[in-house]
Amino acid sequence: MRQLIRKLRRYMSSRTAPPPRAPRVATSPQRIGIVHPGAMGISIAVSAQNSGHQVYWASEGRSAATAKRATQAGLRDSHTLANLCAECSVIISVCPPHAAETVAQEVAAHAFTGFYVDANAIAPQRVIRMSHALTHAGATFVDGGIIGGPVRKPGGTCLYLAGPRAQEVADWFAGGPLGTRVLSATIGQASALKMCMSAYSKCTAALLCTILGAAEQWRLREALLQQWAQEDPAFAEYVVPRVREVTAKAWRFAGEMEEVAATFREAGLPGEFHAAAAIVYRHLAHFKGVQPTPELEEVLAALTQHEPRS
């Protein structure tokens, strides 16, 4: 199992996403609304701006940190979601998994009839359900899945898209650095790809947390690390920083692992691996925003506490 993890980790570290595609046709400037401009949302917004589009957001109910990011990126404030839907021809949803359907329902309730791009880490069956509701309300739905972190340079992060009009969305990001790739006209495929990628990358981190947690309880953590160092020094050096650093996004990964579990079950496969990973991340969720990065001992102590309420 450890050898498989090592090989997959090496593959993940070496892979690059496809570069942005050149647009098939000239595209007119769009007014694009981002819900919400977190770190990932801002990076998508910047790519849209680089491609000649105006980008908006809605400040109502958002934090001071979000407002600061939006201001620094030059986003225009529509103040409310209702105004955002009225002013924009495109809405891109980039929010925590648990909020995805709520955002879609609120946008549909405002009679939005433009393009709605769901770029959240959620199960494809949820995406299909959302597409039916928004299409019925008059919007054009495009399924999206983001592979990679906030965009810093070309060739790294890619927005995969699916849907009958997905290519139009891809063309709006031709200026980069965000890459795009259209998978097919089938709603759900982009989200399913995101789920399959997260199933490995984020579940592996949770697995490493539990392995070290078990070793700690049996008072043999140092012996385990020494054995790893003997067999693969690079892997041994990777483990501890990975376990410490994953705490920053554990609050978000818990929901994402539940979405992966639902995806697997819908495909007739066991979802228990990723349901367990969700439990691990709920134990670590309280580290959100904590600086400096928690020490390994703090992380392992948190893992042995009673499971928090979801």
C-alpha atoms as a PDB file:
ATOM      1  CA  MET A   1       0.000   0.000   0.000  1.00  0.00           C
ATOM      2  CA  ARG A   2       2.830   2.394   0.926  1.00  0.00           C
ATOM      3  CA  GLN A   3       4.594   1.715  -2.378  1.00  0.00           C
ATOM      4  CA  LEU A   4       1.384   2.505  -4.250  1.00  0.00           C
ATOM      5  CA  ILE A   5       0.996   5.752  -2.313  1.00  0.00           C
ATOM      6  CA  ARG A   6       4.595   6.676  -3.105  1.00  0.00           C
ATOM      7  CA  LYS A   7       4.169   6.033  -6.818  1.00  0.00           C
ATOM      8  CA  LEU A   8       0.914   7.971  -6.951  1.00  0.00           C
ATOM      9  CA  ARG A   9       2.447  10.845  -5.012  1.00  0.00           C
ATOM     10  CA  ARG A  10       5.325  11.047  -7.481  1.00  0.00           C
ATOM     11  CA  TYR A  11       2.873  11.044 -10.351  1.00  0.00           C
ATOM     12  CA  MET A  12       0.778  13.793  -8.775  1.00  0.00           C
ATOM     13  CA  SER A  13       3.825  15.988  -8.146  1.00  0.00           C
ATOM     14  CA  SER A  14       5.042  15.626 -11.744  1.00  0.00           C
ATOM     15  CA  ARG A  15       1.774  16.049 -13.609  1.00  0.00           C
ATOM     16  CA  THR A  16       0.748  19.311 -15.254  1.00  0.00           C
ATOM     17  CA  ALA A  17      -2.663  20.388 -16.400  1.00  0.00           C
ATOM     18  CA  PRO A  18      -3.305  21.087 -20.080  1.00  0.00           C
ATOM     19  CA  PRO A  19      -2.497  24.654 -21.113  1.00  0.00           C
ATOM     20  CA  PRO A  20      -5.344  27.058 -21.828  1.00  0.00           C
ATOM     21  CA  ARG A  21      -6.955  26.462 -25.184  1.00  0.00           C
ATOM     22  CA  ALA A  22      -7.091  29.222 -27.733  1.00  0.00           C
ATOM     23  CA  PRO A  23     -10.653  30.382 -28.333  1.00  0.00           C
ATOM     24  CA  ARG A  24     -12.415  28.957 -31.362  1.00  0.00           C
ATOM     25  CA  VAL A  25     -14.153  32.230 -32.044  1.00  0.00           C
ATOM     26  CA  ALA A  26     -13.820  35.804 -30.872  1.00  0.00           C
ATOM     27  CA  THR A  27     -15.753  36.302 -27.659  1.00  0.00           C
ATOM     28  CA  SER A  28     -17.446  39.470 -26.518  1.00  0.00           C
ATOM     29  CA  PRO A  29     -16.677  40.835 -23.047  1.00  0.00           C
ATOM     30  CA  GLN A  30     -18.876  39.360 -20.335  1.00  0.00           C
ATOM     31  CA  ARG A  31     -19.902  40.523 -16.896  1.00  0.00           C
ATOM     32  CA  ILE A  32     -18.926  37.598 -14.708  1.00  0.00           C
ATOM     33  CA  GLY A  33     -20.082  37.220 -11.107  1.00  0.00           C
ATOM     34  CA  ILE A  34     -18.016  35.142  -8.657  1.00  0.00           C
ATOM     35  CA  VAL A  35     -19.753  33.445  -5.737  1.00  0.00           C
ATOM     36  CA  HIS A  36     -17.603  33.622  -3.641  1.00  0.00           C
ATOM     37  CA  PRO A  37     -14.163  35.230  -4.029  1.00  0.00           C
ATOM     38  CA  GLY A  38     -12.073  33.042  -1.746  1.00  0.00           C
ATOM     39  CA  ALA A  39      -8.512  32.193  -2.749  1.00  0.00           C
ATOM     40  CA  MET A  40      -9.688  29.971  -5.617  1.00  0.00           C
ATOM     41  CA  GLY A  41     -12.491  32.304  -6.662  1.00  0.00           C
ATOM     42  CA  ILE A  42     -10.093  35.230  -6.863  1.00  0.00           C
ATOM     43  CA  SER A  43      -7.671  33.314  -9.063  1.00  0.00           C
ATOM     44  CA  ILE A  44     -10.523  32.451 -11.444  1.00  0.00           C
ATOM     45  CA  ALA A  45     -11.595  36.096 -11.411  1.00  0.00           C
ATOM     46  CA  VAL A  46      -8.098  37.253 -12.367  1.00  0.00           C
ATOM     47  CA  SER A  47      -8.015  34.872 -15.337  1.00  0.00           C
ATOM     48  CA  ALA A  48     -11.364  36.240 -16.480  1.00  0.00           C
ATOM     49  CA  GLN A  49     -10.044  39.797 -16.175  1.00  0.00           C
ATOM     50  CA  ASN A  50      -6.934  38.833 -18.137  1.00  0.00           C
ATOM     51  CA  SER A  51      -9.272  37.652 -20.889  1.00  0.00           C
ATOM     52  CA  GLY A  52     -11.036  41.013 -21.126  1.00  0.00           C
ATOM     53  CA  HIS A  53     -14.057  40.502 -18.878  1.00  0.00           C
ATOM     54  CA  GLN A  54     -15.448  42.534 -15.989  1.00  0.00           C
ATOM     55  CA  VAL A  55     -15.749  40.578 -12.752  1.00  0.00           C
ATOM     56  CA  TYR A  56     -18.224  41.260  -9.965  1.00  0.00           C
ATOM     57  CA  TRP A  57     -18.982  39.926  -6.505  1.00  0.00           C
ATOM     58  CA  ALA A  58     -21.606  40.497  -3.783  1.00  0.00           C
ATOM     59  CA  SER A  59     -20.317  41.768  -0.431  1.00  0.00           C
ATOM     60  CA  GLU A  60     -23.488  41.203   1.573  1.00  0.00           C
ATOM     61  CA  GLY A  61     -22.806  38.754   4.402  1.00  0.00           C
ATOM     62  CA  ARG A  62     -19.154  38.201   3.456  1.00  0.00           C
ATOM     63  CA  SER A  63     -16.164  38.571   5.759  1.00  0.00           C
ATOM     64  CA  ALA A  64     -13.654  41.411   5.929  1.00  0.00           C
ATOM     65  CA  ALA A  65     -10.990  39.035   4.591  1.00  0.00           C
ATOM     66  CA  THR A  66     -13.130  38.273   1.531  1.00  0.00           C
ATOM     67  CA  ALA A  67     -13.779  41.970   0.966  1.00  0.00           C
ATOM     68  CA  LYS A  68     -10.060  42.674   1.125  1.00  0.00           C
ATOM     69  CA  ARG A  69      -9.294  39.980  -1.474  1.00  0.00           C
ATOM     70  CA  ALA A  70     -12.006  41.255  -3.797  1.00  0.00           C
ATOM     71  CA  THR A  71     -10.848  44.866  -3.499  1.00  0.00           C
ATOM     72  CA  GLN A  72      -7.205  43.983  -4.109  1.00  0.00           C
ATOM     73  CA  ALA A  73      -8.190  42.017  -7.220  1.00  0.00           C
ATOM     74  CA  GLY A  74     -10.255  44.900  -8.598  1.00  0.00           C
ATOM     75  CA  LEU A  75     -13.629  43.132  -8.459  1.00  0.00           C
ATOM     76  CA  ARG A  76     -16.720  45.320  -8.719  1.00  0.00           C
ATOM     77  CA  ASP A  77     -19.137  45.079  -5.815  1.00  0.00           C
ATOM     78  CA  SER A  78     -22.796  44.404  -6.652  1.00  0.00           C
ATOM     79  CA  HIS A  79     -23.510  44.329  -2.897  1.00  0.00           C
ATOM     80  CA  THR A  80     -26.281  41.698  -3.032  1.00  0.00           C
ATOM     81  CA  LEU A  81     -26.779  38.401  -4.839  1.00  0.00           C
ATOM     82  CA  ALA A  82     -29.954  39.800  -6.410  1.00  0.00           C
ATOM     83  CA  ASN A  83     -27.973  42.659  -7.944  1.00  0.00           C
ATOM     84  CA  LEU A  84     -25.227  40.281  -9.046  1.00  0.00           C
ATOM     85  CA  CYS A  85     -27.755  38.139 -10.920  1.00  0.00           C
ATOM     86  CA  ALA A  86     -29.284  41.214 -12.537  1.00  0.00           C
ATOM     87  CA  GLU A  87     -25.964  42.768 -13.604  1.00  0.00           C
ATOM     88  CA  CYS A  88     -24.042  39.701 -14.789  1.00  0.00           C
ATOM     89  CA  SER A  89     -24.437  37.396 -17.783  1.00  0.00           C
ATOM     90  CA  VAL A  90     -22.368  34.684 -16.077  1.00  0.00           C
ATOM     91  CA  ILE A  91     -22.345  33.391 -12.499  1.00  0.00           C
ATOM     92  CA  ILE A  92     -19.510  31.107 -11.384  1.00  0.00           C
ATOM     93  CA  SER A  93     -20.074  29.297  -8.104  1.00  0.00           C
ATOM     94  CA  VAL A  94     -16.903  28.492  -6.122  1.00  0.00           C
ATOM     95  CA  CYS A  95     -17.931  27.750  -2.556  1.00  0.00           C
ATOM     96  CA  PRO A  96     -17.632  25.013   0.110  1.00  0.00           C
ATOM     97  CA  PRO A  97     -19.413  21.787  -0.919  1.00  0.00           C
ATOM     98  CA  HIS A  98     -22.194  22.075   1.645  1.00  0.00           C
ATOM     99  CA  ALA A  99     -23.264  25.475   0.266  1.00  0.00           C
ATOM    100  CA  ALA A 100     -23.332  24.595  -3.442  1.00  0.00           C
ATOM    101  CA  GLU A 101     -27.015  23.735  -3.775  1.00  0.00           C
ATOM    102  CA  THR A 102     -28.104  26.636  -1.583  1.00  0.00           C
ATOM    103  CA  VAL A 103     -26.236  29.068  -3.833  1.00  0.00           C
ATOM    104  CA  ALA A 104     -27.782  27.490  -6.953  1.00  0.00           C
ATOM    105  CA  GLN A 105     -31.277  27.694  -5.459  1.00  0.00           C
ATOM    106  CA  GLU A 106     -30.819  31.346  -4.521  1.00  0.00           C
ATOM    107  CA  VAL A 107     -29.584  32.213  -8.003  1.00  0.00           C
ATOM    108  CA  ALA A 108     -32.541  30.376  -9.573  1.00  0.00           C
ATOM    109  CA  ALA A 109     -34.902  32.250  -7.245  1.00  0.00           C
ATOM    110  CA  HIS A 110     -33.612  35.543  -8.683  1.00  0.00           C
ATOM    111  CA  ALA A 111     -34.756  34.454 -12.171  1.00  0.00           C
ATOM    112  CA  PHE A 112     -31.206  34.358 -13.525  1.00  0.00           C
ATOM    113  CA  THR A 113     -31.150  33.411 -17.221  1.00  0.00           C
ATOM    114  CA  GLY A 114     -27.457  33.641 -18.058  1.00  0.00           C
ATOM    115  CA  PHE A 115     -24.675  31.049 -17.790  1.00  0.00           C
ATOM    116  CA  TYR A 116     -24.348  29.303 -14.445  1.00  0.00           C
ATOM    117  CA  VAL A 117     -21.031  27.489 -13.944  1.00  0.00           C
ATOM    118  CA  ASP A 118     -20.878  25.227 -10.915  1.00  0.00           C
ATOM    119  CA  ALA A 119     -17.167  24.756 -10.178  1.00  0.00           C
ATOM    120  CA  ASN A 120     -17.568  23.180  -6.749  1.00  0.00           C
ATOM    121  CA  ALA A 121     -16.163  19.929  -5.371  1.00  0.00           C
ATOM    122  CA  ILE A 122     -19.436  18.022  -5.226  1.00  0.00           C
ATOM    123  CA  ALA A 123     -20.813  14.676  -6.349  1.00  0.00           C
ATOM    124  CA  PRO A 124     -21.984  14.515  -9.978  1.00  0.00           C
ATOM    125  CA  GLN A 125     -25.482  13.402  -8.998  1.00  0.00           C
ATOM    126  CA  ARG A 126     -25.894  16.663  -7.073  1.00  0.00           C
ATOM    127  CA  VAL A 127     -24.663  18.601 -10.096  1.00  0.00           C
ATOM    128  CA  ILE A 128     -27.195  16.879 -12.348  1.00  0.00           C
ATOM    129  CA  ARG A 129     -29.979  17.729  -9.902  1.00  0.00           C
ATOM    130  CA  MET A 130     -28.872  21.362  -9.797  1.00  0.00           C
ATOM    131  CA  SER A 131     -28.642  21.550 -13.591  1.00  0.00           C
ATOM    132  CA  HIS A 132     -32.257  20.456 -13.929  1.00  0.00           C
ATOM    133  CA  ALA A 133     -33.440  23.146 -11.517  1.00  0.00           C
ATOM    134  CA  LEU A 134     -31.447  25.973 -13.079  1.00  0.00           C
ATOM    135  CA  THR A 135     -32.229  24.954 -16.650  1.00  0.00           C
ATOM    136  CA  HIS A 136     -35.908  24.836 -15.762  1.00  0.00           C
ATOM    137  CA  ALA A 137     -35.557  28.381 -14.376  1.00  0.00           C
ATOM    138  CA  GLY A 138     -34.084  29.570 -17.694  1.00  0.00           C
ATOM    139  CA  ALA A 139     -30.334  29.482 -17.075  1.00  0.00           C
ATOM    140  CA  THR A 140     -27.642  27.743 -19.133  1.00  0.00           C
ATOM    141  CA  PHE A 141     -25.869  25.271 -16.855  1.00  0.00           C
ATOM    142  CA  VAL A 142     -22.219  24.233 -17.230  1.00  0.00           C
ATOM    143  CA  ASP A 143     -20.544  21.663 -14.997  1.00  0.00           C
ATOM    144  CA  GLY A 144     -17.037  22.514 -13.790  1.00  0.00           C
ATOM    145  CA  GLY A 145     -14.289  20.801 -11.817  1.00  0.00           C
ATOM    146  CA  ILE A 146     -11.085  22.558 -10.736  1.00  0.00           C
ATOM    147  CA  ILE A 147      -7.968  20.402 -10.571  1.00  0.00           C
ATOM    148  CA  GLY A 148      -5.127  22.163  -8.751  1.00  0.00           C
ATOM    149  CA  GLY A 149      -4.783  25.017  -6.296  1.00  0.00           C
ATOM    150  CA  PRO A 150      -5.277  28.767  -6.697  1.00  0.00           C
ATOM    151  CA  VAL A 151      -3.780  29.741 -10.053  1.00  0.00           C
ATOM    152  CA  ARG A 152      -0.327  31.321 -10.016  1.00  0.00           C
ATOM    153  CA  LYS A 153       1.142  30.443 -13.399  1.00  0.00           C
ATOM    154  CA  PRO A 154       0.079  28.733 -16.652  1.00  0.00           C
ATOM    155  CA  GLY A 155       0.285  24.964 -16.899  1.00  0.00           C
ATOM    156  CA  GLY A 156      -0.753  24.252 -13.322  1.00  0.00           C
ATOM    157  CA  THR A 157      -4.448  24.505 -12.473  1.00  0.00           C
ATOM    158  CA  CYS A 158      -7.135  23.450 -14.944  1.00  0.00           C
ATOM    159  CA  LEU A 159     -10.864  24.082 -15.012  1.00  0.00           C
ATOM    160  CA  TYR A 160     -12.498  21.023 -16.575  1.00  0.00           C
ATOM    161  CA  LEU A 161     -15.890  21.691 -18.110  1.00  0.00           C
ATOM    162  CA  ALA A 162     -18.831  19.642 -19.310  1.00  0.00           C
ATOM    163  CA  GLY A 163     -22.131  20.564 -20.898  1.00  0.00           C
ATOM    164  CA  PRO A 164     -23.584  21.414 -24.308  1.00  0.00           C
ATOM    165  CA  ARG A 165     -22.182  24.969 -24.164  1.00  0.00           C
ATOM    166  CA  ALA A 166     -19.034  24.302 -22.159  1.00  0.00           C
ATOM    167  CA  GLN A 167     -16.705  25.516 -24.931  1.00  0.00           C
ATOM    168  CA  GLU A 168     -18.125  29.021 -24.660  1.00  0.00           C
ATOM    169  CA  VAL A 169     -17.117  29.113 -21.011  1.00  0.00           C
ATOM    170  CA  ALA A 170     -13.640  27.760 -21.813  1.00  0.00           C
ATOM    171  CA  ASP A 171     -13.143  30.535 -24.343  1.00  0.00           C
ATOM    172  CA  TRP A 172     -13.769  33.187 -21.661  1.00  0.00           C
ATOM    173  CA  PHE A 173     -10.514  32.188 -19.919  1.00  0.00           C
ATOM    174  CA  ALA A 174      -8.209  32.156 -22.948  1.00  0.00           C
ATOM    175  CA  GLY A 175      -6.009  34.858 -21.381  1.00  0.00           C
ATOM    176  CA  GLY A 176      -4.920  32.517 -18.564  1.00  0.00           C
ATOM    177  CA  PRO A 177      -3.204  31.633 -16.381  1.00  0.00           C
ATOM    178  CA  LEU A 178      -6.101  29.267 -15.619  1.00  0.00           C
ATOM    179  CA  GLY A 179      -6.156  26.360 -18.056  1.00  0.00           C
ATOM    180  CA  THR A 180      -9.419  24.945 -19.390  1.00  0.00           C
ATOM    181  CA  ARG A 181     -10.455  21.684 -20.980  1.00  0.00           C
ATOM    182  CA  VAL A 182     -13.868  20.612 -22.236  1.00  0.00           C
ATOM    183  CA  LEU A 183     -14.575  16.959 -21.490  1.00  0.00           C
ATOM    184  CA  SER A 184     -17.934  16.415 -23.176  1.00  0.00           C
ATOM    185  CA  ALA A 185     -21.507  17.644 -23.434  1.00  0.00           C
ATOM    186  CA  THR A 186     -22.533  15.414 -20.511  1.00  0.00           C
ATOM    187  CA  ILE A 187     -23.340  17.279 -17.312  1.00  0.00           C
ATOM    188  CA  GLY A 188     -21.669  15.586 -14.341  1.00  0.00           C
ATOM    189  CA  GLN A 189     -18.458  14.444 -16.001  1.00  0.00           C
ATOM    190  CA  ALA A 190     -16.350  17.411 -14.870  1.00  0.00           C
ATOM    191  CA  SER A 191     -17.491  16.989 -11.290  1.00  0.00           C
ATOM    192  CA  ALA A 192     -16.930  13.238 -11.432  1.00  0.00           C
ATOM    193  CA  LEU A 193     -13.336  13.830 -12.568  1.00  0.00           C
ATOM    194  CA  LYS A 194     -12.806  16.229  -9.678  1.00  0.00           C
ATOM    195  CA  MET A 195     -14.167  13.621  -7.263  1.00  0.00           C
ATOM    196  CA  CYS A 196     -11.857  10.918  -8.616  1.00  0.00           C
ATOM    197  CA  MET A 197      -8.824  13.179  -8.276  1.00  0.00           C
ATOM    198  CA  SER A 198      -9.778  14.255  -4.740  1.00  0.00           C
ATOM    199  CA  ALA A 199     -10.389  10.628  -3.832  1.00  0.00           C
ATOM    200  CA  TYR A 200      -6.677  10.040  -4.100  1.00  0.00           C
ATOM    201  CA  SER A 201      -4.994  13.300  -3.135  1.00  0.00           C
ATOM    202  CA  LYS A 202      -7.047  14.250  -0.088  1.00  0.00           C
ATOM    203  CA  CYS A 203      -7.895  10.788   1.162  1.00  0.00           C
ATOM    204  CA  THR A 204      -4.191   9.918   1.120  1.00  0.00           C
ATOM    205  CA  ALA A 205      -3.438  12.819   3.460  1.00  0.00           C
ATOM    206  CA  ALA A 206      -6.186  11.634   5.814  1.00  0.00           C
ATOM    207  CA  LEU A 207      -4.754   8.103   5.686  1.00  0.00           C
ATOM    208  CA  LEU A 208      -1.321   9.400   6.663  1.00  0.00           C
ATOM    209  CA  CYS A 209      -2.895  11.259   9.580  1.00  0.00           C
ATOM    210  CA  THR A 210      -4.475   8.083  10.915  1.00  0.00           C
ATOM    211  CA  ILE A 211      -1.326   6.007  10.392  1.00  0.00           C
ATOM    212  CA  LEU A 212       0.734   8.452  12.434  1.00  0.00           C
ATOM    213  CA  GLY A 213      -2.086   8.721  14.965  1.00  0.00           C
ATOM    214  CA  ALA A 214      -2.113   4.966  15.503  1.00  0.00           C
ATOM    215  CA  ALA A 215       1.669   4.880  15.766  1.00  0.00           C
ATOM    216  CA  GLU A 216       1.534   7.667  18.340  1.00  0.00           C
ATOM    217  CA  GLN A 217      -0.968   5.776  20.477  1.00  0.00           C
ATOM    218  CA  TRP A 218       1.300   2.729  20.431  1.00  0.00           C
ATOM    219  CA  ARG A 219       4.332   4.912  21.222  1.00  0.00           C
ATOM    220  CA  LEU A 220       6.188   3.886  18.093  1.00  0.00           C
ATOM    221  CA  ARG A 221       5.950   6.988  15.916  1.00  0.00           C
ATOM    222  CA  GLU A 222       9.711   7.487  15.827  1.00  0.00           C
ATOM    223  CA  ALA A 223      10.267   3.828  14.936  1.00  0.00           C
ATOM    224  CA  LEU A 224       7.791   4.147  12.063  1.00  0.00           C
ATOM    225  CA  LEU A 225       9.448   7.309  10.749  1.00  0.00           C
ATOM    226  CA  GLN A 226      12.849   5.659  10.975  1.00  0.00           C
ATOM    227  CA  GLN A 227      11.606   2.661   9.008  1.00  0.00           C
ATOM    228  CA  TRP A 228      10.166   4.936   6.322  1.00  0.00           C
ATOM    229  CA  ALA A 229      13.422   6.891   6.192  1.00  0.00           C
ATOM    230  CA  GLN A 230      15.359   3.680   5.702  1.00  0.00           C
ATOM    231  CA  GLU A 231      13.137   2.529   2.828  1.00  0.00           C
ATOM    232  CA  ASP A 232      12.432   5.888   1.202  1.00  0.00           C
ATOM    233  CA  PRO A 233      13.998   9.024   2.712  1.00  0.00           C
ATOM    234  CA  ALA A 234      11.991  11.354   0.449  1.00  0.00           C
ATOM    235  CA  PHE A 235       8.721   9.792   1.560  1.00  0.00           C
ATOM    236  CA  ALA A 236       9.694  10.074   5.229  1.00  0.00           C
ATOM    237  CA  GLU A 237      10.459  13.784   4.751  1.00  0.00           C
ATOM    238  CA  TYR A 238       7.113  14.302   2.982  1.00  0.00           C
ATOM    239  CA  VAL A 239       4.818  12.742   5.580  1.00  0.00           C
ATOM    240  CA  VAL A 240       5.087  15.067   8.582  1.00  0.00           C
ATOM    241  CA  PRO A 241       4.794  18.374   6.648  1.00  0.00           C
ATOM    242  CA  ARG A 242       1.849  16.964   4.705  1.00  0.00           C
ATOM    243  CA  VAL A 243      -0.005  15.979   7.878  1.00  0.00           C
ATOM    244  CA  ARG A 244       0.651  19.356   9.483  1.00  0.00           C
ATOM    245  CA  GLU A 245      -0.239  21.454   6.439  1.00  0.00           C
ATOM    246  CA  VAL A 246      -3.503  19.686   5.618  1.00  0.00           C
ATOM    247  CA  THR A 247      -4.998  21.148   8.808  1.00  0.00           C
ATOM    248  CA  ALA A 248      -5.438  24.531   7.080  1.00  0.00           C
ATOM    249  CA  LYS A 249      -8.149  23.158   4.781  1.00  0.00           C
ATOM    250  CA  ALA A 250      -9.460  20.253   6.837  1.00  0.00           C
ATOM    251  CA  TRP A 251     -12.686  22.177   7.516  1.00  0.00           C
ATOM    252  CA  ARG A 252     -13.375  22.196   3.777  1.00  0.00           C
ATOM    253  CA  PHE A 253     -12.033  18.748   2.957  1.00  0.00           C
ATOM    254  CA  ALA A 254     -14.465  17.047   5.345  1.00  0.00           C
ATOM    255  CA  GLY A 255     -17.400  17.934   3.126  1.00  0.00           C
ATOM    256  CA  GLU A 256     -15.452  17.112  -0.008  1.00  0.00           C
ATOM    257  CA  MET A 257     -14.702  13.599   1.265  1.00  0.00           C
ATOM    258  CA  GLU A 258     -18.410  13.080   1.926  1.00  0.00           C
ATOM    259  CA  GLU A 259     -19.067  14.097  -1.678  1.00  0.00           C
ATOM    260  CA  VAL A 260     -16.466  11.583  -2.892  1.00  0.00           C
ATOM    261  CA  ALA A 261     -18.092   8.872  -0.779  1.00  0.00           C
ATOM    262  CA  ALA A 262     -21.468   9.660  -2.348  1.00  0.00           C
ATOM    263  CA  THR A 263     -19.903   9.583  -5.839  1.00  0.00           C
ATOM    264  CA  PHE A 264     -18.412   6.151  -5.237  1.00  0.00           C
ATOM    265  CA  ARG A 265     -21.635   4.733  -3.818  1.00  0.00           C
ATOM    266  CA  GLU A 266     -23.585   6.037  -6.797  1.00  0.00           C
ATOM    267  CA  ALA A 267     -21.095   4.158  -9.002  1.00  0.00           C
ATOM    268  CA  GLY A 268     -21.695   0.933  -7.057  1.00  0.00           C
ATOM    269  CA  LEU A 269     -18.393   1.156  -5.160  1.00  0.00           C
ATOM    270  CA  PRO A 270     -17.648   1.330  -1.410  1.00  0.00           C
ATOM    271  CA  GLY A 271     -17.787   4.849  -0.018  1.00  0.00           C
ATOM    272  CA  GLU A 272     -16.454   3.948   3.405  1.00  0.00           C
ATOM    273  CA  PHE A 273     -12.832   4.913   2.640  1.00  0.00           C
ATOM    274  CA  HIS A 274     -13.799   8.501   2.089  1.00  0.00           C
ATOM    275  CA  ALA A 275     -16.496   8.625   4.747  1.00  0.00           C
ATOM    276  CA  ALA A 276     -13.707   7.738   7.184  1.00  0.00           C
ATOM    277  CA  ALA A 277     -11.512  10.470   5.707  1.00  0.00           C
ATOM    278  CA  ALA A 278     -14.331  12.939   6.351  1.00  0.00           C
ATOM    279  CA  ILE A 279     -14.297  11.931  10.023  1.00  0.00           C
ATOM    280  CA  VAL A 280     -10.536  12.546  10.173  1.00  0.00           C
ATOM    281  CA  TYR A 281     -10.943  16.007   8.698  1.00  0.00           C
ATOM    282  CA  ARG A 282     -13.779  16.897  11.066  1.00  0.00           C
ATOM    283  CA  HIS A 283     -11.388  16.188  13.927  1.00  0.00           C
ATOM    284  CA  LEU A 284      -8.976  18.723  12.410  1.00  0.00           C
ATOM    285  CA  ALA A 285     -11.502  21.352  11.288  1.00  0.00           C
ATOM    286  CA  HIS A 286     -10.888  23.618  14.288  1.00  0.00           C
ATOM    287  CA  PHE A 287      -7.397  24.377  12.972  1.00  0.00           C
ATOM    288  CA  LYS A 288      -8.928  26.632  10.290  1.00  0.00           C
ATOM    289  CA  GLY A 289      -7.083  29.945  10.276  1.00  0.00           C
ATOM    290  CA  VAL A 290      -4.608  28.866  12.952  1.00  0.00           C
ATOM    291  CA  GLN A 291      -1.133  30.374  12.628  1.00  0.00           C
ATOM    292  CA  PRO A 292       1.540  29.177  12.775  1.00  0.00           C
ATOM    293  CA  THR A 293       0.872  25.729  11.324  1.00  0.00           C
ATOM    294  CA  PRO A 294       0.094  23.315  14.180  1.00  0.00           C
ATOM    295  CA  GLU A 295       2.873  21.058  15.372  1.00  0.00           C
ATOM    296  CA  LEU A 296       2.550  17.359  14.642  1.00  0.00           C
ATOM    297  CA  GLU A 297       1.852  16.595  18.302  1.00  0.00           C
ATOM    298  CA  GLU A 298      -1.147  18.950  18.252  1.00  0.00           C
ATOM    299  CA  VAL A 299      -2.517  17.315  15.117  1.00  0.00           C
ATOM    300  CA  LEU A 300      -2.179  13.793  16.494  1.00  0.00           C
ATOM    301  CA  ALA A 301      -3.781  14.802  19.781  1.00  0.00           C
ATOM    302  CA  ALA A 302      -6.780  16.222  17.913  1.00  0.00           C
ATOM    303  CA  LEU A 303      -7.263  12.956  16.030  1.00  0.00           C
ATOM    304  CA  THR A 304      -7.916  10.995  19.212  1.00  0.00           C
ATOM    305  CA  GLN A 305     -10.684  13.270  20.469  1.00  0.00           C
ATOM    306  CA  HIS A 306     -14.322  12.242  20.187  1.00  0.00           C
ATOM    307  CA  GLU A 307     -15.743  12.867  16.721  1.00  0.00           C
ATOM    308  CA  PRO A 308     -17.159  16.405  16.431  1.00  0.00           C
ATOM    309  CA  ARG A 309     -20.752  16.859  15.413  1.00  0.00           C
ATOM    310  CA  SER A 310     -21.086  17.361  11.645  1.00  0.00           C
END
